[in-house]
Full PDB file with SEQRES, HELIX, SHEET, SSBOND, CRYST1, ORIGX, SCALE, CONECT and MASTER records, all heavy atoms in Angstrom:
SEQRES   1 A   30  ASN THR TYR LEU ASN GLU ILE GLY ILE LYS GLN ALA HIS          
SEQRES   2 A   30  LYS THR GLY GLU PHE LEU LYS GLY PHE ASP LEU GLN MET          
SEQRES   3 A   30  ILE TYR CYS SER                                              
HELIX    1 AA1 GLU A    6  LEU A   19  1                                  14    
CRYST1    1.000    1.000    1.000  90.00  90.00  90.00 P 1           1          
ORIGX1      1.000000  0.000000  0.000000        0.00000                         
ORIGX2      0.000000  1.000000  0.000000        0.00000                         
ORIGX3      0.000000  0.000000  1.000000        0.00000                         
SCALE1      1.000000  0.000000  0.000000        0.00000                         
SCALE2      0.000000  1.000000  0.000000        0.00000                         
SCALE3      0.000000  0.000000  1.000000        0.00000                         
ATOM      1  N   ASN A   1       0.828  -1.201   0.004  1.00  0.00           N  
ATOM      2  CA  ASN A   1      -0.007  -0.011   0.012  1.00  0.00           C  
ATOM      3  C   ASN A   1       0.868   1.249  -0.010  1.00  0.00           C  
ATOM      4  O   ASN A   1       1.609   1.482   0.968  1.00  0.00           O  
ATOM      5  CB  ASN A   1      -0.920   0.008   1.222  1.00  0.00           C  
ATOM      6  CG  ASN A   1      -2.337  -0.375   0.836  1.00  0.00           C  
ATOM      7  OD1 ASN A   1      -2.801  -0.089  -0.235  1.00  0.00           O  
ATOM      8  ND2 ASN A   1      -2.995  -1.072   1.750  1.00  0.00           N  
ATOM      9  N   THR A   2       0.821   1.990  -1.063  1.00  0.00           N  
ATOM     10  CA  THR A   2       1.528   3.267  -1.167  1.00  0.00           C  
ATOM     11  C   THR A   2       0.438   4.326  -1.532  1.00  0.00           C  
ATOM     12  O   THR A   2      -0.644   3.987  -1.955  1.00  0.00           O  
ATOM     13  CB  THR A   2       2.598   3.247  -2.226  1.00  0.00           C  
ATOM     14  OG1 THR A   2       2.042   2.870  -3.487  1.00  0.00           O  
ATOM     15  CG2 THR A   2       3.725   2.240  -1.848  1.00  0.00           C  
ATOM     16  N   TYR A   3       0.823   5.595  -1.351  1.00  0.00           N  
ATOM     17  CA  TYR A   3      -0.146   6.669  -1.543  1.00  0.00           C  
ATOM     18  C   TYR A   3       0.304   7.640  -2.604  1.00  0.00           C  
ATOM     19  O   TYR A   3       1.512   7.796  -2.825  1.00  0.00           O  
ATOM     20  CB  TYR A   3      -0.373   7.386  -0.211  1.00  0.00           C  
ATOM     21  CG  TYR A   3      -0.942   6.467   0.861  1.00  0.00           C  
ATOM     22  CD1 TYR A   3      -0.131   5.626   1.602  1.00  0.00           C  
ATOM     23  CD2 TYR A   3      -2.333   6.343   0.994  1.00  0.00           C  
ATOM     24  CE1 TYR A   3      -0.650   4.744   2.532  1.00  0.00           C  
ATOM     25  CE2 TYR A   3      -2.880   5.462   1.940  1.00  0.00           C  
ATOM     26  CZ  TYR A   3      -2.027   4.673   2.676  1.00  0.00           C  
ATOM     27  OH  TYR A   3      -2.557   3.777   3.573  1.00  0.00           O  
ATOM     28  N   LEU A   4      -0.666   8.316  -3.198  1.00  0.00           N  
ATOM     29  CA  LEU A   4      -0.323   9.331  -4.214  1.00  0.00           C  
ATOM     30  C   LEU A   4       0.482  10.436  -3.567  1.00  0.00           C  
ATOM     31  O   LEU A   4       0.222  10.848  -2.413  1.00  0.00           O  
ATOM     32  CB  LEU A   4      -1.613   9.937  -4.802  1.00  0.00           C  
ATOM     33  CG  LEU A   4      -2.610   8.984  -5.479  1.00  0.00           C  
ATOM     34  CD1 LEU A   4      -3.743   9.805  -6.067  1.00  0.00           C  
ATOM     35  CD2 LEU A   4      -1.936   8.129  -6.542  1.00  0.00           C  
ATOM     36  N   ASN A   5       1.458  10.935  -4.299  1.00  0.00           N  
ATOM     37  CA  ASN A   5       2.150  12.134  -3.835  1.00  0.00           C  
ATOM     38  C   ASN A   5       1.470  13.357  -4.487  1.00  0.00           C  
ATOM     39  O   ASN A   5       0.383  13.218  -5.078  1.00  0.00           O  
ATOM     40  CB  ASN A   5       3.678  12.057  -4.140  1.00  0.00           C  
ATOM     41  CG  ASN A   5       3.958  11.907  -5.621  1.00  0.00           C  
ATOM     42  OD1 ASN A   5       3.135  12.244  -6.483  1.00  0.00           O  
ATOM     43  ND2 ASN A   5       5.162  11.427  -5.937  1.00  0.00           N  
ATOM     44  N   GLU A   6       2.063  14.497  -4.301  1.00  0.00           N  
ATOM     45  CA  GLU A   6       1.441  15.733  -4.832  1.00  0.00           C  
ATOM     46  C   GLU A   6       1.213  15.675  -6.332  1.00  0.00           C  
ATOM     47  O   GLU A   6       0.171  16.086  -6.851  1.00  0.00           O  
ATOM     48  CB  GLU A   6       2.334  16.934  -4.479  1.00  0.00           C  
ATOM     49  CG  GLU A   6       1.713  18.273  -4.801  1.00  0.00           C  
ATOM     50  CD  GLU A   6       2.572  19.437  -4.363  1.00  0.00           C  
ATOM     51  OE1 GLU A   6       3.276  19.325  -3.367  1.00  0.00           O  
ATOM     52  OE2 GLU A   6       2.552  20.463  -5.063  1.00  0.00           O  
ATOM     53  N   ILE A   7       2.179  15.147  -7.066  1.00  0.00           N  
ATOM     54  CA  ILE A   7       2.033  14.987  -8.507  1.00  0.00           C  
ATOM     55  C   ILE A   7       0.884  14.025  -8.822  1.00  0.00           C  
ATOM     56  O   ILE A   7       0.046  14.292  -9.698  1.00  0.00           O  
ATOM     57  CB  ILE A   7       3.339  14.477  -9.146  1.00  0.00           C  
ATOM     58  CG1 ILE A   7       4.417  15.559  -9.066  1.00  0.00           C  
ATOM     59  CG2 ILE A   7       3.108  14.052 -10.614  1.00  0.00           C  
ATOM     60  CD1 ILE A   7       5.801  15.094  -9.482  1.00  0.00           C  
ATOM     61  N   GLY A   8       0.841  12.914  -8.104  1.00  0.00           N  
ATOM     62  CA  GLY A   8      -0.237  11.916  -8.335  1.00  0.00           C  
ATOM     63  C   GLY A   8      -1.617  12.480  -8.087  1.00  0.00           C  
ATOM     64  O   GLY A   8      -2.561  12.152  -8.818  1.00  0.00           O  
ATOM     65  N   ILE A   9      -1.763  13.317  -7.065  1.00  0.00           N  
ATOM     66  CA  ILE A   9      -3.065  13.937  -6.759  1.00  0.00           C  
ATOM     67  C   ILE A   9      -3.444  14.876  -7.937  1.00  0.00           C  
ATOM     68  O   ILE A   9      -4.611  14.873  -8.373  1.00  0.00           O  
ATOM     69  CB  ILE A   9      -2.994  14.676  -5.427  1.00  0.00           C  
ATOM     70  CG1 ILE A   9      -2.894  13.647  -4.269  1.00  0.00           C  
ATOM     71  CG2 ILE A   9      -4.216  15.595  -5.233  1.00  0.00           C  
ATOM     72  CD1 ILE A   9      -2.545  14.235  -2.965  1.00  0.00           C  
ATOM     73  N   LYS A  10      -2.510  15.651  -8.420  1.00  0.00           N  
ATOM     74  CA  LYS A  10      -2.775  16.536  -9.577  1.00  0.00           C  
ATOM     75  C   LYS A  10      -3.179  15.714 -10.788  1.00  0.00           C  
ATOM     76  O   LYS A  10      -4.121  16.087 -11.519  1.00  0.00           O  
ATOM     77  CB  LYS A  10      -1.588  17.393  -9.878  1.00  0.00           C  
ATOM     78  CG  LYS A  10      -1.340  18.509  -8.854  1.00  0.00           C  
ATOM     79  CD  LYS A  10      -0.069  19.279  -9.219  1.00  0.00           C  
ATOM     80  CE  LYS A  10       0.216  20.347  -8.141  1.00  0.00           C  
ATOM     81  NZ  LYS A  10       1.479  21.057  -8.424  1.00  0.00           N  
ATOM     82  N   GLN A  11      -2.475  14.611 -11.013  1.00  0.00           N  
ATOM     83  CA  GLN A  11      -2.805  13.766 -12.158  1.00  0.00           C  
ATOM     84  C   GLN A  11      -4.222  13.221 -12.058  1.00  0.00           C  
ATOM     85  O   GLN A  11      -4.976  13.199 -13.054  1.00  0.00           O  
ATOM     86  CB  GLN A  11      -1.818  12.601 -12.284  1.00  0.00           C  
ATOM     87  CG  GLN A  11      -0.451  12.998 -12.733  1.00  0.00           C  
ATOM     88  CD  GLN A  11       0.555  11.911 -12.585  1.00  0.00           C  
ATOM     89  OE1 GLN A  11       0.523  11.089 -11.682  1.00  0.00           O  
ATOM     90  NE2 GLN A  11       1.498  11.839 -13.533  1.00  0.00           N  
ATOM     91  N   ALA A  12      -4.603  12.794 -10.857  1.00  0.00           N  
ATOM     92  CA  ALA A  12      -5.926  12.242 -10.636  1.00  0.00           C  
ATOM     93  C   ALA A  12      -7.013  13.262 -10.934  1.00  0.00           C  
ATOM     94  O   ALA A  12      -8.048  12.964 -11.531  1.00  0.00           O  
ATOM     95  CB  ALA A  12      -6.070  11.678  -9.238  1.00  0.00           C  
ATOM     96  N   HIS A  13      -6.744  14.522 -10.516  1.00  0.00           N  
ATOM     97  CA  HIS A  13      -7.702  15.592 -10.810  1.00  0.00           C  
ATOM     98  C   HIS A  13      -7.801  15.863 -12.312  1.00  0.00           C  
ATOM     99  O   HIS A  13      -8.914  16.013 -12.840  1.00  0.00           O  
ATOM    100  CB  HIS A  13      -7.310  16.881 -10.046  1.00  0.00           C  
ATOM    101  CG  HIS A  13      -7.707  16.890  -8.629  1.00  0.00           C  
ATOM    102  ND1 HIS A  13      -9.002  16.973  -8.214  1.00  0.00           N  
ATOM    103  CD2 HIS A  13      -6.949  16.801  -7.501  1.00  0.00           C  
ATOM    104  CE1 HIS A  13      -9.064  16.956  -6.875  1.00  0.00           C  
ATOM    105  NE2 HIS A  13      -7.823  16.847  -6.429  1.00  0.00           N  
ATOM    106  N   LYS A  14      -6.664  15.877 -13.000  1.00  0.00           N  
ATOM    107  CA  LYS A  14      -6.651  16.090 -14.454  1.00  0.00           C  
ATOM    108  C   LYS A  14      -7.388  14.963 -15.170  1.00  0.00           C  
ATOM    109  O   LYS A  14      -8.145  15.146 -16.119  1.00  0.00           O  
ATOM    110  CB  LYS A  14      -5.228  16.182 -14.968  1.00  0.00           C  
ATOM    111  CG  LYS A  14      -4.547  17.517 -14.691  1.00  0.00           C  
ATOM    112  CD  LYS A  14      -3.133  17.539 -15.177  1.00  0.00           C  
ATOM    113  CE  LYS A  14      -3.018  17.530 -16.681  1.00  0.00           C  
ATOM    114  NZ  LYS A  14      -1.607  17.683 -17.159  1.00  0.00           N  
ATOM    115  N   THR A  15      -7.170  13.729 -14.675  1.00  0.00           N  
ATOM    116  CA  THR A  15      -7.822  12.567 -15.301  1.00  0.00           C  
ATOM    117  C   THR A  15      -9.328  12.640 -15.075  1.00  0.00           C  
ATOM    118  O   THR A  15     -10.093  12.359 -15.976  1.00  0.00           O  
ATOM    119  CB  THR A  15      -7.256  11.263 -14.686  1.00  0.00           C  
ATOM    120  OG1 THR A  15      -5.833  11.247 -14.898  1.00  0.00           O  
ATOM    121  CG2 THR A  15      -7.884  10.037 -15.334  1.00  0.00           C  
ATOM    122  N   GLY A  16      -9.750  13.052 -13.864  1.00  0.00           N  
ATOM    123  CA  GLY A  16     -11.194  13.232 -13.592  1.00  0.00           C  
ATOM    124  C   GLY A  16     -11.805  14.249 -14.483  1.00  0.00           C  
ATOM    125  O   GLY A  16     -12.905  14.046 -15.017  1.00  0.00           O  
ATOM    126  N   GLU A  17     -11.105  15.353 -14.685  1.00  0.00           N  
ATOM    127  CA  GLU A  17     -11.591  16.404 -15.616  1.00  0.00           C  
ATOM    128  C   GLU A  17     -11.760  15.852 -17.010  1.00  0.00           C  
ATOM    129  O   GLU A  17     -12.746  16.123 -17.683  1.00  0.00           O  
ATOM    130  CB  GLU A  17     -10.640  17.591 -15.614  1.00  0.00           C  
ATOM    131  CG  GLU A  17     -10.697  18.479 -14.381  1.00  0.00           C  
ATOM    132  CD  GLU A  17     -11.974  19.294 -14.331  1.00  0.00           C  
ATOM    133  OE1 GLU A  17     -12.540  19.632 -15.384  1.00  0.00           O  
ATOM    134  OE2 GLU A  17     -12.424  19.597 -13.191  1.00  0.00           O  
ATOM    135  N   PHE A  18     -10.772  15.087 -17.472  1.00  0.00           N  
ATOM    136  CA  PHE A  18     -10.846  14.506 -18.801  1.00  0.00           C  
ATOM    137  C   PHE A  18     -12.030  13.572 -18.939  1.00  0.00           C  
ATOM    138  O   PHE A  18     -12.775  13.607 -19.926  1.00  0.00           O  
ATOM    139  CB  PHE A  18      -9.552  13.773 -19.111  1.00  0.00           C  
ATOM    140  CG  PHE A  18      -9.604  12.968 -20.385  1.00  0.00           C  
ATOM    141  CD1 PHE A  18      -9.523  13.595 -21.617  1.00  0.00           C  
ATOM    142  CD2 PHE A  18      -9.764  11.597 -20.326  1.00  0.00           C  
ATOM    143  CE1 PHE A  18      -9.613  12.868 -22.804  1.00  0.00           C  
ATOM    144  CE2 PHE A  18      -9.835  10.842 -21.532  1.00  0.00           C  
ATOM    145  CZ  PHE A  18      -9.751  11.486 -22.746  1.00  0.00           C  
ATOM    146  N   LEU A  19     -12.212  12.714 -17.937  1.00  0.00           N  
ATOM    147  CA  LEU A  19     -13.286  11.707 -18.013  1.00  0.00           C  
ATOM    148  C   LEU A  19     -14.691  12.289 -17.893  1.00  0.00           C  
ATOM    149  O   LEU A  19     -15.660  11.620 -18.258  1.00  0.00           O  
ATOM    150  CB  LEU A  19     -13.060  10.632 -16.924  1.00  0.00           C  
ATOM    151  CG  LEU A  19     -11.896   9.686 -17.179  1.00  0.00           C  
ATOM    152  CD1 LEU A  19     -11.633   8.826 -15.938  1.00  0.00           C  
ATOM    153  CD2 LEU A  19     -12.113   8.842 -18.424  1.00  0.00           C  
ATOM    154  N   LYS A  20     -14.787  13.567 -17.454  1.00  0.00           N  
ATOM    155  CA  LYS A  20     -16.093  14.208 -17.415  1.00  0.00           C  
ATOM    156  C   LYS A  20     -16.731  14.246 -18.799  1.00  0.00           C  
ATOM    157  O   LYS A  20     -17.945  14.373 -18.928  1.00  0.00           O  
ATOM    158  CB  LYS A  20     -16.001  15.643 -16.860  1.00  0.00           C  
ATOM    159  CG  LYS A  20     -15.963  15.703 -15.368  1.00  0.00           C  
ATOM    160  CD  LYS A  20     -16.191  17.116 -14.814  1.00  0.00           C  
ATOM    161  CE  LYS A  20     -15.757  18.260 -15.644  1.00  0.00           C  
ATOM    162  NZ  LYS A  20     -15.796  19.546 -14.929  1.00  0.00           N  
ATOM    163  N   GLY A  21     -15.910  14.154 -19.836  1.00  0.00           N  
ATOM    164  CA  GLY A  21     -16.423  14.226 -21.168  1.00  0.00           C  
ATOM    165  C   GLY A  21     -17.092  12.928 -21.658  1.00  0.00           C  
ATOM    166  O   GLY A  21     -17.527  12.870 -22.810  1.00  0.00           O  
ATOM    167  N   PHE A  22     -17.145  11.938 -20.794  1.00  0.00           N  
ATOM    168  CA  PHE A  22     -17.726  10.639 -21.174  1.00  0.00           C  
ATOM    169  C   PHE A  22     -18.870  10.296 -20.196  1.00  0.00           C  
ATOM    170  O   PHE A  22     -18.920  10.791 -19.084  1.00  0.00           O  
ATOM    171  CB  PHE A  22     -16.661   9.541 -21.144  1.00  0.00           C  
ATOM    172  CG  PHE A  22     -15.516   9.805 -22.095  1.00  0.00           C  
ATOM    173  CD1 PHE A  22     -14.382  10.461 -21.649  1.00  0.00           C  
ATOM    174  CD2 PHE A  22     -15.609   9.404 -23.414  1.00  0.00           C  
ATOM    175  CE1 PHE A  22     -13.341  10.729 -22.538  1.00  0.00           C  
ATOM    176  CE2 PHE A  22     -14.558   9.673 -24.302  1.00  0.00           C  
ATOM    177  CZ  PHE A  22     -13.413  10.329 -23.860  1.00  0.00           C  
ATOM    178  N   ASP A  23     -19.711   9.397 -20.640  1.00  0.00           N  
ATOM    179  CA  ASP A  23     -20.865   9.030 -19.860  1.00  0.00           C  
ATOM    180  C   ASP A  23     -20.578   7.759 -19.052  1.00  0.00           C  
ATOM    181  O   ASP A  23     -21.135   6.691 -19.262  1.00  0.00           O  
ATOM    182  CB  ASP A  23     -22.074   8.772 -20.779  1.00  0.00           C  
ATOM    183  CG  ASP A  23     -23.348   8.470 -19.982  1.00  0.00           C  
ATOM    184  OD1 ASP A  23     -23.452   8.915 -18.847  1.00  0.00           O  
ATOM    185  OD2 ASP A  23     -24.232   7.794 -20.539  1.00  0.00           O  
ATOM    186  N   LEU A  24     -19.650   7.881 -18.099  1.00  0.00           N  
ATOM    187  CA  LEU A  24     -19.302   6.755 -17.249  1.00  0.00           C  
ATOM    188  C   LEU A  24     -20.481   6.379 -16.376  1.00  0.00           C  
ATOM    189  O   LEU A  24     -21.121   7.270 -15.765  1.00  0.00           O  
ATOM    190  CB  LEU A  24     -18.094   7.053 -16.402  1.00  0.00           C  
ATOM    191  CG  LEU A  24     -16.765   7.328 -17.130  1.00  0.00           C  
ATOM    192  CD1 LEU A  24     -15.650   7.513 -16.140  1.00  0.00           C  
ATOM    193  CD2 LEU A  24     -16.440   6.232 -18.122  1.00  0.00           C  
ATOM    194  N   GLN A  25     -20.746   5.087 -16.275  1.00  0.00           N  
ATOM    195  CA  GLN A  25     -21.890   4.644 -15.481  1.00  0.00           C  
ATOM    196  C   GLN A  25     -21.464   3.947 -14.209  1.00  0.00           C  
ATOM    197  O   GLN A  25     -22.242   3.816 -13.277  1.00  0.00           O  
ATOM    198  CB  GLN A  25     -22.764   3.733 -16.322  1.00  0.00           C  
ATOM    199  CG  GLN A  25     -23.364   4.454 -17.521  1.00  0.00           C  
ATOM    200  CD  GLN A  25     -23.827   3.532 -18.606  1.00  0.00           C  
ATOM    201  OE1 GLN A  25     -23.275   2.447 -18.823  1.00  0.00           O  
ATOM    202  NE2 GLN A  25     -24.888   3.928 -19.311  1.00  0.00           N  
ATOM    203  N   MET A  26     -20.242   3.462 -14.153  1.00  0.00           N  
ATOM    204  CA  MET A  26     -19.751   2.773 -12.976  1.00  0.00           C  
ATOM    205  C   MET A  26     -18.238   3.019 -12.875  1.00  0.00           C  
ATOM    206  O   MET A  26     -17.563   3.269 -13.870  1.00  0.00           O  
ATOM    207  CB  MET A  26     -19.961   1.246 -13.076  1.00  0.00           C  
ATOM    208  CG  MET A  26     -21.388   0.779 -13.188  1.00  0.00           C  
ATOM    209  SD  MET A  26     -22.216   0.737 -11.563  1.00  0.00           S  
ATOM    210  CE  MET A  26     -21.373  -0.609 -10.741  1.00  0.00           C  
ATOM    211  N   ILE A  27     -17.707   2.897 -11.650  1.00  0.00           N  
ATOM    212  CA  ILE A  27     -16.267   2.970 -11.429  1.00  0.00           C  
ATOM    213  C   ILE A  27     -15.895   1.732 -10.614  1.00  0.00           C  
ATOM    214  O   ILE A  27     -16.416   1.493  -9.520  1.00  0.00           O  
ATOM    215  CB  ILE A  27     -15.850   4.249 -10.668  1.00  0.00           C  
ATOM    216  CG1 ILE A  27     -16.229   5.502 -11.556  1.00  0.00           C  
ATOM    217  CG2 ILE A  27     -14.375   4.241 -10.347  1.00  0.00           C  
ATOM    218  CD1 ILE A  27     -15.950   6.816 -10.865  1.00  0.00           C  
ATOM    219  N   TYR A  28     -14.948   0.984 -11.153  1.00  0.00           N  
ATOM    220  CA  TYR A  28     -14.366  -0.170 -10.451  1.00  0.00           C  
ATOM    221  C   TYR A  28     -12.947   0.160 -10.070  1.00  0.00           C  
ATOM    222  O   TYR A  28     -12.289   0.997 -10.741  1.00  0.00           O  
ATOM    223  CB  TYR A  28     -14.397  -1.409 -11.372  1.00  0.00           C  
ATOM    224  CG  TYR A  28     -15.780  -1.924 -11.670  1.00  0.00           C  
ATOM    225  CD1 TYR A  28     -16.525  -1.368 -12.699  1.00  0.00           C  
ATOM    226  CD2 TYR A  28     -16.333  -2.920 -10.876  1.00  0.00           C  
ATOM    227  CE1 TYR A  28     -17.798  -1.819 -12.964  1.00  0.00           C  
ATOM    228  CE2 TYR A  28     -17.636  -3.373 -11.147  1.00  0.00           C  
ATOM    229  CZ  TYR A  28     -18.339  -2.825 -12.172  1.00  0.00           C  
ATOM    230  OH  TYR A  28     -19.628  -3.255 -12.447  1.00  0.00           O  
ATOM    231  N   CYS A  29     -12.449  -0.499  -9.026  1.00  0.00           N  
ATOM    232  CA  CYS A  29     -11.157  -0.066  -8.514  1.00  0.00           C  
ATOM    233  C   CYS A  29     -10.445  -1.186  -7.790  1.00  0.00           C  
ATOM    234  O   CYS A  29     -11.070  -2.004  -7.080  1.00  0.00           O  
ATOM    235  CB  CYS A  29     -11.474   1.072  -7.521  1.00  0.00           C  
ATOM    236  SG  CYS A  29      -9.994   1.812  -6.805  1.00  0.00           S  
ATOM    237  N   SER A  30      -9.134  -1.227  -7.941  1.00  0.00           N  
ATOM    238  CA  SER A  30      -8.286  -2.052  -7.102  1.00  0.00           C  
ATOM    239  C   SER A  30      -8.452  -1.615  -5.667  1.00  0.00           C  
ATOM    240  O   SER A  30      -8.766  -0.456  -5.372  1.00  0.00           O  
ATOM    241  CB  SER A  30      -6.828  -1.880  -7.539  1.00  0.00           C  
ATOM    242  OG  SER A  30      -5.921  -2.222  -6.522  1.00  0.00           O  
TER     243      SER A  30                                                      
MASTER        0    0    0    1    0    0    0    6  242    1    0    3          
END                                                                             
């Protein structure tokens, strides 16, 4: 178990912004 660093948190926000353009219906996760 490791955690996102500052860069990883920014990347996750950018990825979320990008995915807003799609009609995601579910999110699965490790």
